[in-house]
PDB file of N, CA and C in Angstrom:
ATOM      1  N   ASP A   1      -0.556 -11.151  40.256  1.00  0.00           N
ATOM      2  CA  ASP A   1      -0.615 -11.472  38.830  1.00  0.00           C
ATOM      3  C   ASP A   1      -1.464 -12.728  38.617  1.00  0.00           C
ATOM      4  N   THR A   2      -2.287 -12.672  37.586  1.00  0.00           N
ATOM      5  CA  THR A   2      -3.125 -13.827  37.273  1.00  0.00           C
ATOM      6  C   THR A   2      -2.861 -14.263  35.848  1.00  0.00           C
ATOM      7  N   LEU A   3      -3.119 -15.516  35.609  1.00  0.00           N
ATOM      8  CA  LEU A   3      -2.967 -16.050  34.259  1.00  0.00           C
ATOM      9  C   LEU A   3      -4.161 -15.633  33.407  1.00  0.00           C
ATOM     10  N   PRO A   4      -3.967 -15.524  32.086  1.00  0.00           N
ATOM     11  CA  PRO A   4      -5.099 -15.173  31.221  1.00  0.00           C
ATOM     12  C   PRO A   4      -6.112 -16.311  31.179  1.00  0.00           C
ATOM     13  N   THR A   5      -7.351 -15.940  30.950  1.00  0.00           N
ATOM     14  CA  THR A   5      -8.413 -16.942  30.842  1.00  0.00           C
ATOM     15  C   THR A   5      -8.359 -17.600  29.470  1.00  0.00           C
ATOM     16  N   GLU A   6      -9.093 -18.683  29.331  1.00  0.00           N
ATOM     17  CA  GLU A   6      -9.160 -19.365  28.036  1.00  0.00           C
ATOM     18  C   GLU A   6      -9.736 -18.425  26.975  1.00  0.00           C
ATOM     19  N   THR A   7     -10.722 -17.635  27.329  1.00  0.00           N
ATOM     20  CA  THR A   7     -11.329 -16.679  26.397  1.00  0.00           C
ATOM     21  C   THR A   7     -10.311 -15.637  25.946  1.00  0.00           C
ATOM     22  N   GLN A   8      -9.518 -15.139  26.874  1.00  0.00           N
ATOM     23  CA  GLN A   8      -8.494 -14.151  26.527  1.00  0.00           C
ATOM     24  C   GLN A   8      -7.433 -14.754  25.609  1.00  0.00           C
ATOM     25  N   LEU A   9      -7.032 -15.986  25.878  1.00  0.00           N
ATOM     26  CA  LEU A   9      -6.038 -16.651  25.027  1.00  0.00           C
ATOM     27  C   LEU A   9      -6.592 -16.898  23.627  1.00  0.00           C
ATOM     28  N   ARG A  10      -7.849 -17.306  23.556  1.00  0.00           N
ATOM     29  CA  ARG A  10      -8.478 -17.539  22.245  1.00  0.00           C
ATOM     30  C   ARG A  10      -8.551 -16.229  21.463  1.00  0.00           C
ATOM     31  N   TYR A  11      -8.911 -15.133  22.125  1.00  0.00           N
ATOM     32  CA  TYR A  11      -8.971 -13.822  21.480  1.00  0.00           C
ATOM     33  C   TYR A  11      -7.590 -13.415  20.966  1.00  0.00           C
ATOM     34  N   LEU A  12      -6.555 -13.623  21.772  1.00  0.00           N
ATOM     35  CA  LEU A  12      -5.189 -13.310  21.353  1.00  0.00           C
ATOM     36  C   LEU A  12      -4.813 -14.117  20.117  1.00  0.00           C
ATOM     37  N   TYR A  13      -5.093 -15.415  20.135  1.00  0.00           N
ATOM     38  CA  TYR A  13      -4.795 -16.277  18.994  1.00  0.00           C
ATOM     39  C   TYR A  13      -5.521 -15.797  17.739  1.00  0.00           C
ATOM     40  N   GLU A  14      -6.811 -15.529  17.847  1.00  0.00           N
ATOM     41  CA  GLU A  14      -7.591 -15.096  16.682  1.00  0.00           C
ATOM     42  C   GLU A  14      -7.095 -13.758  16.147  1.00  0.00           C
ATOM     43  N   THR A  15      -6.706 -12.861  17.030  1.00  0.00           N
ATOM     44  CA  THR A  15      -6.172 -11.564  16.617  1.00  0.00           C
ATOM     45  C   THR A  15      -4.853 -11.732  15.875  1.00  0.00           C
ATOM     46  N   LEU A  16      -3.974 -12.585  16.379  1.00  0.00           N
ATOM     47  CA  LEU A  16      -2.689 -12.824  15.712  1.00  0.00           C
ATOM     48  C   LEU A  16      -2.881 -13.455  14.341  1.00  0.00           C
ATOM     49  N   VAL A  17      -3.793 -14.411  14.229  1.00  0.00           N
ATOM     50  CA  VAL A  17      -4.073 -15.040  12.933  1.00  0.00           C
ATOM     51  C   VAL A  17      -4.607 -14.007  11.950  1.00  0.00           C
ATOM     52  N   GLN A  18      -5.490 -13.129  12.410  1.00  0.00           N
ATOM     53  CA  GLN A  18      -6.037 -12.079  11.550  1.00  0.00           C
ATOM     54  C   GLN A  18      -4.937 -11.129  11.086  1.00  0.00           C
ATOM     55  N   GLN A  19      -4.020 -10.761  11.966  1.00  0.00           N
ATOM     56  CA  GLN A  19      -2.923  -9.868  11.590  1.00  0.00           C
ATOM     57  C   GLN A  19      -2.017 -10.511  10.549  1.00  0.00           C
ATOM     58  N   VAL A  20      -1.718 -11.787  10.709  1.00  0.00           N
ATOM     59  CA  VAL A  20      -0.881 -12.485   9.732  1.00  0.00           C
ATOM     60  C   VAL A  20      -1.572 -12.504   8.371  1.00  0.00           C
ATOM     61  N   ALA A  21      -2.868 -12.776   8.350  1.00  0.00           N
ATOM     62  CA  ALA A  21      -3.617 -12.798   7.090  1.00  0.00           C
ATOM     63  C   ALA A  21      -3.627 -11.421   6.436  1.00  0.00           C
ATOM     64  N   GLU A  22      -3.814 -10.368   7.208  1.00  0.00           N
ATOM     65  CA  GLU A  22      -3.834  -9.007   6.668  1.00  0.00           C
ATOM     66  C   GLU A  22      -2.474  -8.601   6.112  1.00  0.00           C
ATOM     67  N   GLN A  23      -1.397  -9.060   6.732  1.00  0.00           N
ATOM     68  CA  GLN A  23      -0.053  -8.705   6.281  1.00  0.00           C
ATOM     69  C   GLN A  23       0.266  -9.303   4.918  1.00  0.00           C
ATOM     70  N   ALA A  24      -0.445 -10.337   4.532  1.00  0.00           N
ATOM     71  CA  ALA A  24      -0.200 -10.975   3.243  1.00  0.00           C
ATOM     72  C   ALA A  24      -0.933 -10.278   2.102  1.00  0.00           C
ATOM     73  N   LYS A  25      -1.755  -9.295   2.416  1.00  0.00           N
ATOM     74  CA  LYS A  25      -2.579  -8.645   1.398  1.00  0.00           C
ATOM     75  C   LYS A  25      -1.871  -7.467   0.731  1.00  0.00           C
ATOM     76  N   THR A  26      -2.307  -7.203  -0.497  1.00  0.00           N
ATOM     77  CA  THR A  26      -1.873  -6.028  -1.250  1.00  0.00           C
ATOM     78  C   THR A  26      -3.096  -5.145  -1.434  1.00  0.00           C
ATOM     79  N   SER A  27      -2.923  -3.848  -1.244  1.00  0.00           N
ATOM     80  CA  SER A  27      -4.051  -2.940  -1.431  1.00  0.00           C
ATOM     81  C   SER A  27      -3.606  -1.696  -2.189  1.00  0.00           C
ATOM     82  N   THR A  28      -4.547  -1.094  -2.884  1.00  0.00           N
ATOM     83  CA  THR A  28      -4.305   0.148  -3.615  1.00  0.00           C
ATOM     84  C   THR A  28      -5.301   1.181  -3.109  1.00  0.00           C
ATOM     85  N   PHE A  29      -4.805   2.375  -2.839  1.00  0.00           N
ATOM     86  CA  PHE A  29      -5.650   3.437  -2.312  1.00  0.00           C
ATOM     87  C   PHE A  29      -5.055   4.784  -2.699  1.00  0.00           C
ATOM     88  N   THR A  30      -5.801   5.840  -2.496  1.00  0.00           N
ATOM     89  CA  THR A  30      -5.339   7.193  -2.778  1.00  0.00           C
ATOM     90  C   THR A  30      -5.007   7.882  -1.462  1.00  0.00           C
ATOM     91  N   ALA A  31      -3.848   8.545  -1.426  1.00  0.00           N
ATOM     92  CA  ALA A  31      -3.425   9.260  -0.216  1.00  0.00           C
ATOM     93  C   ALA A  31      -2.527  10.419  -0.611  1.00  0.00           C
ATOM     94  N   ASN A  32      -2.371  11.361   0.298  1.00  0.00           N
ATOM     95  CA  ASN A  32      -1.454  12.470   0.073  1.00  0.00           C
ATOM     96  C   ASN A  32      -0.016  12.002   0.240  1.00  0.00           C
ATOM     97  N   VAL A  33       0.847  12.469  -0.667  1.00  0.00           N
ATOM     98  CA  VAL A  33       2.278  12.154  -0.620  1.00  0.00           C
ATOM     99  C   VAL A  33       3.034  13.476  -0.617  1.00  0.00           C
ATOM    100  N   ALA A  34       3.983  13.606   0.301  1.00  0.00           N
ATOM    101  CA  ALA A  34       4.793  14.822   0.381  1.00  0.00           C
ATOM    102  C   ALA A  34       5.647  14.948  -0.878  1.00  0.00           C
ATOM    103  N   GLN A  35       5.674  16.140  -1.446  1.00  0.00           N
ATOM    104  CA  GLN A  35       6.466  16.423  -2.633  1.00  0.00           C
ATOM    105  C   GLN A  35       7.778  17.098  -2.221  1.00  0.00           C
ATOM    106  N   ALA A  36       8.721  17.189  -3.148  1.00  0.00           N
ATOM    107  CA  ALA A  36      10.035  17.776  -2.859  1.00  0.00           C
ATOM    108  C   ALA A  36       9.929  19.233  -2.414  1.00  0.00           C
ATOM    109  N   ASP A  37       8.923  19.952  -2.915  1.00  0.00           N
ATOM    110  CA  ASP A  37       8.782  21.371  -2.561  1.00  0.00           C
ATOM    111  C   ASP A  37       8.040  21.590  -1.234  1.00  0.00           C
ATOM    112  N   GLY A  38       7.695  20.498  -0.545  1.00  0.00           N
ATOM    113  CA  GLY A  38       7.021  20.604   0.743  1.00  0.00           C
ATOM    114  C   GLY A  38       5.512  20.513   0.665  1.00  0.00           C
ATOM    115  N   SER A  39       4.960  20.587  -0.531  1.00  0.00           N
ATOM    116  CA  SER A  39       3.511  20.466  -0.678  1.00  0.00           C
ATOM    117  C   SER A  39       3.123  18.983  -0.635  1.00  0.00           C
ATOM    118  N   ALA A  40       1.834  18.722  -0.628  1.00  0.00           N
ATOM    119  CA  ALA A  40       1.331  17.353  -0.654  1.00  0.00           C
ATOM    120  C   ALA A  40       0.445  17.185  -1.878  1.00  0.00           C
ATOM    121  N   ALA A  41       0.562  16.044  -2.535  1.00  0.00           N
ATOM    122  CA  ALA A  41      -0.251  15.762  -3.712  1.00  0.00           C
ATOM    123  C   ALA A  41      -0.928  14.409  -3.536  1.00  0.00           C
ATOM    124  N   SER A  42      -2.159  14.310  -3.991  1.00  0.00           N
ATOM    125  CA  SER A  42      -2.908  13.068  -3.924  1.00  0.00           C
ATOM    126  C   SER A  42      -2.356  12.102  -4.970  1.00  0.00           C
ATOM    127  N   ARG A  43      -1.964  10.910  -4.532  1.00  0.00           N
ATOM    128  CA  ARG A  43      -1.377   9.918  -5.438  1.00  0.00           C
ATOM    129  C   ARG A  43      -2.006   8.559  -5.184  1.00  0.00           C
ATOM    130  N   GLU A  44      -1.964   7.690  -6.192  1.00  0.00           N
ATOM    131  CA  GLU A  44      -2.392   6.309  -6.012  1.00  0.00           C
ATOM    132  C   GLU A  44      -1.237   5.540  -5.383  1.00  0.00           C
ATOM    133  N   ILE A  45      -1.512   4.878  -4.269  1.00  0.00           N
ATOM    134  CA  ILE A  45      -0.505   4.160  -3.503  1.00  0.00           C
ATOM    135  C   ILE A  45      -0.797   2.671  -3.584  1.00  0.00           C
ATOM    136  N   THR A  46       0.229   1.865  -3.725  1.00  0.00           N
ATOM    137  CA  THR A  46       0.108   0.419  -3.609  1.00  0.00           C
ATOM    138  C   THR A  46       0.877  -0.007  -2.377  1.00  0.00           C
ATOM    139  N   ARG A  47       0.174  -0.710  -1.485  1.00  0.00           N
ATOM    140  CA  ARG A  47       0.804  -1.197  -0.257  1.00  0.00           C
ATOM    141  C   ARG A  47       0.858  -2.712  -0.308  1.00  0.00           C
ATOM    142  N   ILE A  48       2.032  -3.263  -0.020  1.00  0.00           N
ATOM    143  CA  ILE A  48       2.223  -4.703   0.034  1.00  0.00           C
ATOM    144  C   ILE A  48       2.614  -5.050   1.462  1.00  0.00           C
ATOM    145  N   GLY A  49       1.757  -5.789   2.137  1.00  0.00           N
ATOM    146  CA  GLY A  49       2.032  -6.106   3.532  1.00  0.00           C
ATOM    147  C   GLY A  49       2.002  -4.854   4.385  1.00  0.00           C
ATOM    148  N   PRO A  50       2.569  -4.927   5.580  1.00  0.00           N
ATOM    149  CA  PRO A  50       2.468  -3.787   6.484  1.00  0.00           C
ATOM    150  C   PRO A  50       3.536  -2.717   6.300  1.00  0.00           C
ATOM    151  N   PHE A  51       4.598  -2.993   5.531  1.00  0.00           N
ATOM    152  CA  PHE A  51       5.734  -2.080   5.533  1.00  0.00           C
ATOM    153  C   PHE A  51       6.150  -1.523   4.180  1.00  0.00           C
ATOM    154  N   VAL A  52       5.668  -2.071   3.073  1.00  0.00           N
ATOM    155  CA  VAL A  52       6.128  -1.645   1.752  1.00  0.00           C
ATOM    156  C   VAL A  52       5.015  -0.883   1.038  1.00  0.00           C
ATOM    157  N   ALA A  53       5.340   0.344   0.597  1.00  0.00           N
ATOM    158  CA  ALA A  53       4.385   1.152  -0.162  1.00  0.00           C
ATOM    159  C   ALA A  53       5.140   1.853  -1.280  1.00  0.00           C
ATOM    160  N   PHE A  54       4.484   1.971  -2.441  1.00  0.00           N
ATOM    161  CA  PHE A  54       5.114   2.694  -3.541  1.00  0.00           C
ATOM    162  C   PHE A  54       4.057   3.379  -4.390  1.00  0.00           C
ATOM    163  N   SER A  55       4.517   4.362  -5.162  1.00  0.00           N
ATOM    164  CA  SER A  55       3.655   5.116  -6.061  1.00  0.00           C
ATOM    165  C   SER A  55       4.474   5.490  -7.282  1.00  0.00           C
ATOM    166  N   GLY A  56       3.926   5.242  -8.455  1.00  0.00           N
ATOM    167  CA  GLY A  56       4.636   5.579  -9.681  1.00  0.00           C
ATOM    168  C   GLY A  56       5.977   4.869  -9.799  1.00  0.00           C
ATOM    169  N   GLY A  57       6.077   3.666  -9.245  1.00  0.00           N
ATOM    170  CA  GLY A  57       7.315   2.900  -9.325  1.00  0.00           C
ATOM    171  C   GLY A  57       8.383   3.324  -8.332  1.00  0.00           C
ATOM    172  N   LYS A  58       8.061   4.242  -7.428  1.00  0.00           N
ATOM    173  CA  LYS A  58       9.039   4.719  -6.440  1.00  0.00           C
ATOM    174  C   LYS A  58       8.573   4.345  -5.036  1.00  0.00           C
ATOM    175  N   TYR A  59       9.525   3.910  -4.226  1.00  0.00           N
ATOM    176  CA  TYR A  59       9.211   3.529  -2.854  1.00  0.00           C
ATOM    177  C   TYR A  59       8.838   4.739  -2.008  1.00  0.00           C
ATOM    178  N   LEU A  60       7.941   4.501  -1.051  1.00  0.00           N
ATOM    179  CA  LEU A  60       7.506   5.546  -0.128  1.00  0.00           C
ATOM    180  C   LEU A  60       7.910   5.180   1.294  1.00  0.00           C
ATOM    181  N   THR A  61       8.069   6.195   2.105  1.00  0.00           N
ATOM    182  CA  THR A  61       8.317   6.010   3.526  1.00  0.00           C
ATOM    183  C   THR A  61       7.264   6.799   4.291  1.00  0.00           C
ATOM    184  N   TYR A  62       6.934   6.339   5.478  1.00  0.00           N
ATOM    185  CA  TYR A  62       5.930   7.025   6.290  1.00  0.00           C
ATOM    186  C   TYR A  62       6.621   7.961   7.267  1.00  0.00           C
ATOM    187  N   LYS A  63       6.229   9.220   7.237  1.00  0.00           N
ATOM    188  CA  LYS A  63       6.761  10.213   8.172  1.00  0.00           C
ATOM    189  C   LYS A  63       5.730  10.390   9.284  1.00  0.00           C
ATOM    190  N   GLY A  64       5.926   9.658  10.362  1.00  0.00           N
ATOM    191  CA  GLY A  64       4.956   9.643  11.452  1.00  0.00           C
ATOM    192  C   GLY A  64       4.752  10.987  12.111  1.00  0.00           C
ATOM    193  N   ASP A  65       5.810  11.793  12.205  1.00  0.00           N
ATOM    194  CA  ASP A  65       5.674  13.098  12.850  1.00  0.00           C
ATOM    195  C   ASP A  65       4.784  14.039  12.049  1.00  0.00           C
ATOM    196  N   GLN A  66       4.683  13.785  10.727  1.00  0.00           N
ATOM    197  CA  GLN A  66       3.849  14.615   9.857  1.00  0.00           C
ATOM    198  C   GLN A  66       2.595  13.870   9.390  1.00  0.00           C
ATOM    199  N   ASN A  67       2.516  12.581   9.722  1.00  0.00           N
ATOM    200  CA  ASN A  67       1.392  11.735   9.328  1.00  0.00           C
ATOM    201  C   ASN A  67       1.170  11.754   7.814  1.00  0.00           C
ATOM    202  N   ILE A  68       2.266  11.554   7.061  1.00  0.00           N
ATOM    203  CA  ILE A  68       2.188  11.592   5.598  1.00  0.00           C
ATOM    204  C   ILE A  68       3.226  10.641   5.005  1.00  0.00           C
ATOM    205  N   LEU A  69       2.945  10.173   3.808  1.00  0.00           N
ATOM    206  CA  LEU A  69       3.912   9.380   3.054  1.00  0.00           C
ATOM    207  C   LEU A  69       4.799  10.319   2.256  1.00  0.00           C
ATOM    208  N   ALA A  70       6.040   9.896   2.024  1.00  0.00           N
ATOM    209  CA  ALA A  70       6.976  10.694   1.225  1.00  0.00           C
ATOM    210  C   ALA A  70       7.818   9.738   0.401  1.00  0.00           C
ATOM    211  N   PHE A  71       8.293  10.210  -0.744  1.00  0.00           N
ATOM    212  CA  PHE A  71       9.167   9.383  -1.570  1.00  0.00           C
ATOM    213  C   PHE A  71      10.476   9.142  -0.842  1.00  0.00           C
ATOM    214  N   LEU A  72      10.949   7.915  -0.913  1.00  0.00           N
ATOM    215  CA  LEU A  72      12.212   7.551  -0.277  1.00  0.00           C
ATOM    216  C   LEU A  72      13.343   8.235  -1.021  1.00  0.00           C
ATOM    217  N   ALA A  73      14.178   8.958  -0.306  1.00  0.00           N
ATOM    218  CA  ALA A  73      15.267   9.727  -0.934  1.00  0.00           C
ATOM    219  C   ALA A  73      16.397   8.827  -1.367  1.00  0.00           C
TER     220      ALA A  73
END
């Protein structure tokens, strides 16, 4: 096992700082959202940070197995 180099540590630091800055951002985009009947509809999504997303005033959850957003039940 070897210790990381100064360059590797600097890269890690810069990457972490960039991730923290990105997590503070809010973005709006269009994506497919699963509907109650199983279909998908294109909706405007607002994402706040890395974990919160909503559309039409309703919270969304990410279904990783289907790679789609869905309204939180």
